[in-house]
Amino acid sequence: NEGGGASAPSSNSVVFVCPQQPSLHLPPSRINDGICDCCDGADEQPPKSSDESASSPCPDVCDTVLAAEREAQKKLQLDYTLGSQGRQSSIRQFQTWKEELQHKIQMVSGRDIVHLEQRL
């Protein structure tokens, strides 16, 4: 749990959670592997040196990454809303069709019964 990231137990091992991206969970094999997985580089520690001010070897691209994630989330929400509205519209159309059909069935059934009774 170095680098300021929180760790949470998973089913079999501990994972690293990127501080700026709480939904991004990294297995231990992806920590300090030379690949910047977290947008702020929290998964990569700077090389050990006598200089305490050493920074992460990764550029902080959180503004760009998080903006893209927000846009993707916004699109998902819009797609969900449009889909939900379409579904509600389909349900209303079906209810109207069903009521009209039931009314027609009742009318036809009533006429047939009267017609049959008259024949008896």
Foldseek 3Di string as FASTA:
>chain_A
DPLPFDWDDDPPGIWTAQPLHRVDTHRLVQAQPPDQPHLCSSSHDFDDDPDPPDDHPHHRPSVVVVVVVVVVVVVVVVVVVVVVVVVVVVVVVVVVVVVVVVVVVVVVVVVVVVVVVVVD
